[in-house]
Amino acid sequence: MLAWLGVRWVVGVARDIARAFKLPETKVVHVKDRAFNDRRYYIGNSKLASLGWKETTAWEEGLKKTIDWYMATKCDEYWQGDLESALKAHPVLLGTNIKPAPGVAAPL
């Protein structure tokens, strides 16, 4: 996976998760991006670093701990729910009357 300066690509994260579950990388398939949502997920830690925060858990270890927590927590209500809505673009807070930004389609 291409990662530098803390940058991780969505497809790389998906491959890491597949490996954690001992699934072949062929399980990671490319689909059409959801308008708005999948253009990028920019998360920076510069403000945390300016406060003295330092990473203490490597990516691989943190991913394993996260997966272990979800598996132990048994979030059945979430996993059994209707996940189709997660696949639709939602550029505004659902359930509000906030209008989408110019050029962004309204949620379905």
Protein backbone atom coordinates (compact mmCIF):
# COMPACT_ATOMS: atom_id res chain seq x y z
CA MET A 1 0.00 0.00 0.00
CA LEU A 2 1.22 3.47 -0.84
CA ALA A 3 1.46 5.43 2.39
CA TRP A 4 3.68 8.36 3.23
CA LEU A 5 3.47 11.14 5.78
CA GLY A 6 0.61 9.24 7.38
CA VAL A 7 -1.47 9.14 4.18
CA ARG A 8 -3.55 6.02 3.61
CA TRP A 9 -5.72 5.35 0.59
CA VAL A 10 -9.23 3.94 1.04
CA VAL A 11 -8.37 0.93 -1.13
CA GLY A 12 -5.28 0.25 0.98
CA VAL A 13 -7.34 0.29 4.17
CA ALA A 14 -9.82 -2.11 2.54
CA ARG A 15 -6.96 -4.45 1.61
CA ASP A 16 -5.56 -4.30 5.14
CA ILE A 17 -8.99 -5.24 6.52
CA ALA A 18 -9.29 -8.12 4.02
CA ARG A 19 -5.87 -9.41 5.10
CA ALA A 20 -6.85 -9.15 8.77
CA PHE A 21 -9.80 -11.46 8.05
CA LYS A 22 -7.57 -13.72 5.93
CA LEU A 23 -9.60 -12.92 2.82
CA PRO A 24 -8.04 -12.72 -0.64
CA GLU A 25 -7.51 -9.19 -1.97
CA THR A 26 -9.90 -10.13 -4.79
CA LYS A 27 -12.68 -9.55 -2.23
CA VAL A 28 -11.85 -5.84 -2.47
CA VAL A 29 -13.70 -4.64 -5.55
CA HIS A 30 -13.81 -1.20 -7.09
CA VAL A 31 -17.28 0.29 -7.42
CA LYS A 32 -18.48 3.63 -8.68
CA ASP A 33 -17.82 6.31 -6.08
CA ARG A 34 -20.81 7.71 -4.28
CA ALA A 35 -21.20 11.29 -5.41
CA PHE A 36 -19.72 13.55 -2.72
CA ASN A 37 -18.85 10.97 -0.06
CA ASP A 38 -15.92 9.11 -1.57
CA ARG A 39 -13.99 11.91 -3.24
CA ARG A 40 -11.64 12.02 -0.28
CA TYR A 41 -11.53 11.61 3.44
CA TYR A 42 -8.95 14.10 4.67
CA ILE A 43 -8.04 13.68 8.29
CA GLY A 44 -5.04 15.46 9.72
CA ASN A 45 -3.36 15.27 13.10
CA SER A 46 -1.34 18.49 12.96
CA LYS A 47 -3.43 20.16 15.69
CA LEU A 48 -3.03 17.13 17.94
CA ALA A 49 0.71 17.10 17.24
CA SER A 50 0.92 20.80 18.14
CA LEU A 51 -0.51 19.87 21.55
CA GLY A 52 2.19 17.23 22.02
CA TRP A 53 0.26 14.15 20.90
CA LYS A 54 2.33 11.35 19.40
CA GLU A 55 1.21 8.13 17.77
CA THR A 56 1.79 5.25 20.19
CA THR A 57 0.04 2.45 18.32
CA ALA A 58 1.18 1.29 14.90
CA TRP A 59 -1.49 1.13 12.17
CA GLU A 60 -1.46 -2.67 11.98
CA GLU A 61 -1.77 -3.10 15.76
CA GLY A 62 -4.53 -0.48 15.99
CA LEU A 63 -6.47 -2.11 13.16
CA LYS A 64 -6.22 -5.50 14.88
CA LYS A 65 -7.39 -4.02 18.20
CA THR A 66 -10.30 -2.27 16.46
CA ILE A 67 -11.40 -5.46 14.68
CA ASP A 68 -11.08 -7.44 17.92
CA TRP A 69 -13.24 -4.87 19.74
CA TYR A 70 -15.97 -4.96 17.09
CA MET A 71 -15.97 -8.75 17.04
CA ALA A 72 -16.20 -8.92 20.85
CA THR A 73 -18.85 -6.19 21.12
CA LYS A 74 -21.36 -8.06 18.93
CA CYS A 75 -23.02 -4.97 17.48
CA ASP A 76 -25.89 -7.14 16.21
CA GLU A 77 -28.41 -4.30 16.07
CA TYR A 78 -26.13 -2.39 13.73
CA TRP A 79 -25.05 -5.30 11.54
CA GLN A 80 -28.62 -6.64 11.19
CA GLY A 81 -30.02 -3.25 10.19
CA ASP A 82 -30.60 -1.84 6.73
CA LEU A 83 -27.12 -0.98 5.50
CA GLU A 84 -28.33 0.18 2.07
CA SER A 85 -28.56 3.78 3.30
CA ALA A 86 -24.80 3.72 3.96
CA LEU A 87 -24.23 3.17 0.24
CA LYS A 88 -26.10 6.33 -0.78
CA ALA A 89 -24.55 9.77 -0.91
CA HIS A 90 -25.51 11.89 2.08
CA PRO A 91 -23.83 15.29 1.71
CA VAL A 92 -26.15 16.87 4.27
CA LEU A 93 -27.01 15.76 7.76
CA LEU A 94 -29.93 13.41 7.20
CA GLY A 95 -33.09 14.44 8.98
CA THR A 96 -32.34 18.16 8.71
CA ASN A 97 -33.36 20.87 6.29
CA ILE A 98 -29.76 21.89 5.59
CA LYS A 99 -29.36 22.39 1.85
CA PRO A 100 -26.49 20.68 0.01
CA ALA A 101 -23.51 22.73 -1.06
CA PRO A 102 -23.67 24.19 -4.58
CA GLY A 103 -22.98 21.52 -7.18
CA VAL A 104 -23.75 18.65 -4.81
CA ALA A 105 -26.84 16.56 -5.49
CA ALA A 106 -29.43 16.32 -2.75
CA PRO A 107 -29.63 12.97 -0.93
CA LEU A 108 -31.97 10.37 -2.37
